[in-house]
Amino acid sequence: MKFLTKFLLTAIALQMQQVVCVLALGGESNTPPSNARTLSNLMFTTEAYRKEALRLVIQEANQVAQELKLPEQLPINDTNLLQCYISPYGMSRFKRHIGNVTTSNYTYSVSIDNKFSFVDKSHQDSDRLKWFKEYSWPISQLDTNAAYQLATQWLADVSMDVDGLNRDCNVYIRPTGVVGQGATARFLPLYWVYWAPGPDGFGSKASVGLFLPMKTLLDLRVEDSKYILRKPLQFTNLDYLLSQTNAPTETYFS
């Protein structure tokens, strides 16, 4: 009996999930579609939409790179990208995730509510190995205040709501590679500054990773749209873009 109840509840949940997908895509709700139809709706896109979405994401990446003063060769364009991903229109409408672009230095993502939300540095593993060999500071040089000031400055530079994060969340600042204990301990001055509404390690709303000696940004991530004050990317001719139909596809290149 318990197994049958669990089975029925699972079936109902799957059916409701299909209805939600169709509603998100503007479909009819009275007859849930087949899995194939739902997948087809989610994967629908056009080449015209893909090109315009890519243009908008690149435009936003250029703006972010300038605001953060990142070491990029500007302007970023489709000829100097290493990789990109543009979500199919159906998936983008449902998930509010447009895509990302990657240069030789950073990946820029429009991933939360059609807004810029993440930037991640490339080659972090090799950078850390190098820094571990070259930097090992005594624990007396730990400077969480400087790490916090730099992290919040970068967040503000890209129009993130620092005041809101500080109001709603606890702030945690953690160095990397602490070795030893007490006054003889040493550490790598690579800090993670993050904001979480609960205890340390439980569900951050935003985070910044940085290497303090060189003021190098490793990661900047905001997970909740209400703390992203930037405007969503806007398609001014969406009806036309979607009328240029072609076979559904997800688009990658590298």
Protein backbone atom coordinates (compact mmCIF):
# COMPACT_ATOMS: atom_id res chain seq x y z
CA MET A 1 0.00 0.00 0.00
CA LYS A 2 2.79 2.41 0.87
CA PHE A 3 4.54 1.59 -2.41
CA LEU A 4 1.32 2.22 -4.41
CA THR A 5 0.77 5.56 -2.66
CA LYS A 6 4.33 6.64 -3.37
CA PHE A 7 3.97 5.57 -7.01
CA LEU A 8 0.75 7.58 -7.46
CA LEU A 9 2.23 10.68 -5.84
CA THR A 10 5.28 10.45 -8.10
CA ALA A 11 3.09 10.14 -11.20
CA ILE A 12 1.03 13.17 -10.16
CA ALA A 13 4.18 15.21 -9.52
CA LEU A 14 5.58 14.37 -12.96
CA GLN A 15 2.29 15.31 -14.62
CA MET A 16 2.17 18.63 -12.74
CA GLN A 17 5.77 19.34 -13.80
CA GLN A 18 4.73 18.91 -17.44
CA VAL A 19 1.83 21.33 -16.96
CA VAL A 20 4.17 23.93 -15.43
CA CYS A 21 6.51 23.63 -18.43
CA VAL A 22 3.66 24.20 -20.85
CA LEU A 23 2.31 27.17 -18.91
CA ALA A 24 5.78 28.71 -18.88
CA LEU A 25 5.90 28.38 -22.65
CA GLY A 26 2.42 29.78 -23.20
CA GLY A 27 0.74 26.45 -24.01
CA GLU A 28 -2.67 25.10 -23.07
CA SER A 29 -2.97 23.69 -19.55
CA ASN A 30 -6.10 21.53 -19.77
CA THR A 31 -4.37 18.61 -21.56
CA PRO A 32 -0.80 17.85 -20.47
CA PRO A 33 1.39 17.19 -23.53
CA SER A 34 3.53 14.17 -24.13
CA ASN A 35 7.15 14.17 -22.96
CA ALA A 36 8.23 14.53 -26.59
CA ARG A 37 6.07 17.62 -27.10
CA THR A 38 7.30 19.19 -23.85
CA LEU A 39 10.91 18.58 -24.87
CA SER A 40 10.22 20.00 -28.32
CA ASN A 41 8.78 23.18 -26.79
CA LEU A 42 11.75 23.59 -24.47
CA MET A 43 14.26 23.01 -27.29
CA PHE A 44 12.60 25.36 -29.78
CA THR A 45 14.88 28.09 -31.11
CA THR A 46 15.89 29.79 -34.34
CA GLU A 47 19.24 30.76 -35.77
CA ALA A 48 18.13 34.41 -35.82
CA TYR A 49 17.33 34.26 -32.09
CA ARG A 50 20.65 32.54 -31.34
CA LYS A 51 22.66 35.23 -33.15
CA GLU A 52 20.86 38.08 -31.39
CA ALA A 53 21.14 36.40 -27.99
CA LEU A 54 24.86 35.89 -28.54
CA ARG A 55 25.25 39.55 -29.53
CA LEU A 56 23.47 40.68 -26.36
CA VAL A 57 25.52 38.40 -24.10
CA ILE A 58 28.77 39.61 -25.70
CA GLN A 59 27.62 43.21 -25.26
CA GLU A 60 26.96 42.55 -21.57
CA ALA A 61 30.32 40.79 -21.17
CA ASN A 62 32.08 43.86 -22.56
CA GLN A 63 30.23 46.08 -20.10
CA VAL A 64 31.09 43.86 -17.14
CA ALA A 65 34.76 43.58 -18.17
CA GLN A 66 35.00 47.37 -18.30
CA GLU A 67 33.21 47.89 -14.99
CA LEU A 68 35.45 45.38 -13.19
CA LYS A 69 38.60 46.51 -15.06
CA LEU A 70 39.37 42.91 -15.94
CA PRO A 71 42.51 42.05 -17.94
CA GLU A 72 40.68 41.46 -21.20
CA GLN A 73 41.43 42.35 -24.79
CA LEU A 74 38.49 44.64 -25.55
CA PRO A 75 36.18 44.67 -27.26
CA ILE A 76 35.17 41.06 -26.77
CA ASN A 77 33.56 39.77 -29.97
CA ASP A 78 32.56 36.47 -31.52
CA THR A 79 35.96 36.11 -33.20
CA ASN A 80 37.97 36.09 -29.96
CA LEU A 81 35.73 33.83 -27.92
CA LEU A 82 36.98 30.39 -26.95
CA GLN A 83 33.52 29.01 -26.26
CA CYS A 84 29.89 30.03 -25.92
CA TYR A 85 26.56 28.54 -24.98
CA ILE A 86 23.18 30.01 -25.92
CA SER A 87 20.10 28.31 -24.48
CA PRO A 88 17.31 27.41 -26.90
CA TYR A 89 14.58 30.04 -26.75
CA GLY A 90 12.09 27.62 -25.15
CA MET A 91 14.50 26.76 -22.37
CA SER A 92 15.47 30.40 -21.92
CA ARG A 93 11.83 31.44 -21.53
CA PHE A 94 11.21 28.71 -18.97
CA LYS A 95 14.50 28.97 -17.02
CA ARG A 96 15.23 32.71 -17.59
CA HIS A 97 18.78 31.72 -18.56
CA ILE A 98 20.15 33.12 -21.84
CA GLY A 99 23.72 31.80 -21.95
CA ASN A 100 27.40 32.52 -21.46
CA VAL A 101 30.58 33.40 -23.34
CA THR A 102 34.17 32.47 -22.54
CA THR A 103 37.34 34.34 -23.44
CA SER A 104 40.88 33.19 -22.66
CA ASN A 105 40.53 34.92 -19.29
CA TYR A 106 36.94 34.76 -18.00
CA THR A 107 33.50 33.27 -18.51
CA TYR A 108 30.55 35.68 -18.36
CA SER A 109 27.10 34.23 -17.66
CA VAL A 110 23.59 35.63 -18.06
CA SER A 111 22.04 32.94 -15.91
CA ILE A 112 19.57 34.41 -13.40
CA ASP A 113 16.33 36.03 -14.58
CA ASN A 114 17.97 37.00 -17.91
CA LYS A 115 20.50 39.15 -16.01
CA PHE A 116 24.28 39.01 -15.80
CA SER A 117 24.96 36.99 -12.67
CA PHE A 118 28.33 35.19 -12.79
CA VAL A 119 31.90 35.82 -13.90
CA ASP A 120 34.53 33.09 -13.44
CA LYS A 121 38.26 33.28 -14.10
CA SER A 122 39.87 30.72 -16.37
CA HIS A 123 42.91 28.63 -15.36
CA GLN A 124 42.18 28.79 -11.64
CA ASP A 125 43.80 25.45 -10.87
CA SER A 126 47.12 26.41 -12.46
CA ASP A 127 46.97 29.85 -10.83
CA ARG A 128 46.52 28.33 -7.40
CA LEU A 129 49.41 25.90 -7.88
CA LYS A 130 51.63 28.82 -8.82
CA TRP A 131 50.47 30.97 -5.92
CA PHE A 132 50.93 28.13 -3.43
CA LYS A 133 54.61 28.00 -4.44
CA GLU A 134 55.16 31.77 -4.39
CA TYR A 135 52.95 32.97 -1.52
CA SER A 136 52.84 31.63 1.99
CA TRP A 137 52.12 34.34 4.50
CA PRO A 138 52.18 34.21 8.29
CA ILE A 139 48.72 34.20 9.84
CA SER A 140 49.48 37.61 11.36
CA GLN A 141 49.05 39.09 7.86
CA LEU A 142 45.49 37.83 7.54
CA ASP A 143 43.37 40.79 6.37
CA THR A 144 39.69 39.95 6.11
CA ASN A 145 38.74 43.63 6.08
CA ALA A 146 40.72 44.26 2.89
CA ALA A 147 39.18 41.17 1.29
CA TYR A 148 35.69 42.33 2.23
CA GLN A 149 36.28 45.86 0.91
CA LEU A 150 37.55 44.58 -2.43
CA ALA A 151 34.72 42.06 -2.78
CA THR A 152 31.99 44.60 -2.04
CA GLN A 153 33.59 47.16 -4.36
CA TRP A 154 33.48 44.68 -7.24
CA LEU A 155 29.87 43.77 -6.47
CA ALA A 156 28.90 47.44 -6.44
CA ASP A 157 30.80 48.05 -9.69
CA VAL A 158 28.50 45.61 -11.49
CA SER A 159 25.33 46.90 -9.80
CA MET A 160 24.74 44.21 -7.20
CA ASP A 161 22.79 45.09 -4.07
CA VAL A 162 25.49 44.98 -1.40
CA ASP A 163 23.28 46.73 1.15
CA GLY A 164 20.54 44.17 0.61
CA LEU A 165 22.95 41.27 0.95
CA ASN A 166 24.35 42.71 4.18
CA ARG A 167 20.85 43.29 5.49
CA ASP A 168 19.48 39.83 4.69
CA CYS A 169 22.52 37.61 5.09
CA ASN A 170 25.47 36.80 7.28
CA VAL A 171 28.89 37.58 5.81
CA TYR A 172 31.59 34.91 5.91
CA ILE A 173 35.24 35.48 4.92
CA ARG A 174 37.54 32.52 4.56
CA PRO A 175 41.24 32.37 3.57
CA THR A 176 42.65 29.38 1.70
CA GLY A 177 45.37 26.87 2.52
CA VAL A 178 45.81 27.51 6.24
CA VAL A 179 48.67 25.33 7.49
CA GLY A 180 49.63 24.92 11.13
CA GLN A 181 48.06 26.36 14.25
CA GLY A 182 48.38 29.41 16.42
CA ALA A 183 50.98 32.10 15.81
CA THR A 184 53.09 29.87 13.55
CA ALA A 185 50.26 29.12 11.10
CA ARG A 186 50.61 30.22 7.47
CA PHE A 187 48.02 30.73 4.74
CA LEU A 188 47.51 31.55 1.08
CA PRO A 189 46.00 35.05 0.73
CA LEU A 190 43.22 33.78 -1.52
CA TYR A 191 39.92 34.70 0.14
CA TRP A 192 36.31 33.65 -0.34
CA VAL A 193 33.76 36.23 0.75
CA TYR A 194 30.17 35.07 0.70
CA TRP A 195 26.72 35.99 1.94
CA ALA A 196 24.36 33.34 3.33
CA PRO A 197 21.07 33.77 5.20
CA GLY A 198 21.87 30.86 7.49
CA PRO A 199 24.90 29.20 9.10
CA ASP A 200 28.33 29.06 7.51
CA GLY A 201 28.30 26.75 4.48
CA PHE A 202 24.53 26.66 3.94
CA GLY A 203 23.19 28.19 0.72
CA SER A 204 25.04 31.36 -0.22
CA LYS A 205 23.17 34.13 -2.05
CA ALA A 206 26.37 35.71 -3.39
CA SER A 207 30.10 35.06 -3.29
CA VAL A 208 33.37 36.56 -4.43
CA GLY A 209 36.69 34.75 -4.71
CA LEU A 210 39.81 36.90 -4.88
CA PHE A 211 43.59 36.74 -4.66
CA LEU A 212 44.39 39.75 -2.50
CA PRO A 213 48.09 40.46 -3.25
CA MET A 214 47.41 41.00 -6.95
CA LYS A 215 43.76 42.09 -6.57
CA THR A 216 42.76 39.28 -8.92
CA LEU A 217 39.10 38.37 -9.28
CA LEU A 218 38.53 34.61 -9.37
CA ASP A 219 34.75 34.37 -9.12
CA LEU A 220 31.83 36.73 -8.66
CA ARG A 221 28.46 35.04 -8.35
CA VAL A 222 25.01 36.29 -7.32
CA GLU A 223 22.44 33.52 -7.06
CA ASP A 224 19.28 35.51 -6.28
CA SER A 225 17.75 37.91 -8.82
CA LYS A 226 16.54 40.39 -6.19
CA TYR A 227 20.17 41.28 -5.41
CA ILE A 228 20.99 41.89 -9.09
CA LEU A 229 20.15 45.52 -9.82
CA ARG A 230 21.18 45.27 -13.48
CA LYS A 231 18.41 45.20 -16.07
CA PRO A 232 17.59 41.94 -17.84
CA LEU A 233 18.83 41.66 -21.41
CA GLN A 234 16.15 42.93 -23.78
CA PHE A 235 15.17 41.56 -27.20
CA THR A 236 13.55 44.42 -29.13
CA ASN A 237 12.44 42.29 -32.12
CA LEU A 238 11.61 38.94 -30.56
CA ASP A 239 8.56 38.18 -32.75
CA TYR A 240 10.65 38.56 -35.90
CA LEU A 241 13.52 36.49 -34.49
CA LEU A 242 11.21 33.62 -33.63
CA SER A 243 9.41 33.72 -36.97
CA GLN A 244 12.66 32.80 -38.77
CA THR A 245 12.09 29.11 -38.03
CA ASN A 246 14.62 26.35 -38.37
CA ALA A 247 15.28 22.96 -36.84
CA PRO A 248 15.43 23.06 -33.00
CA THR A 249 18.99 22.96 -31.73
CA GLU A 250 21.20 23.73 -28.78
CA THR A 251 24.22 25.76 -29.79
CA TYR A 252 27.79 25.24 -28.68
CA PHE A 253 31.06 26.12 -30.28
CA SER A 254 34.68 25.95 -29.19
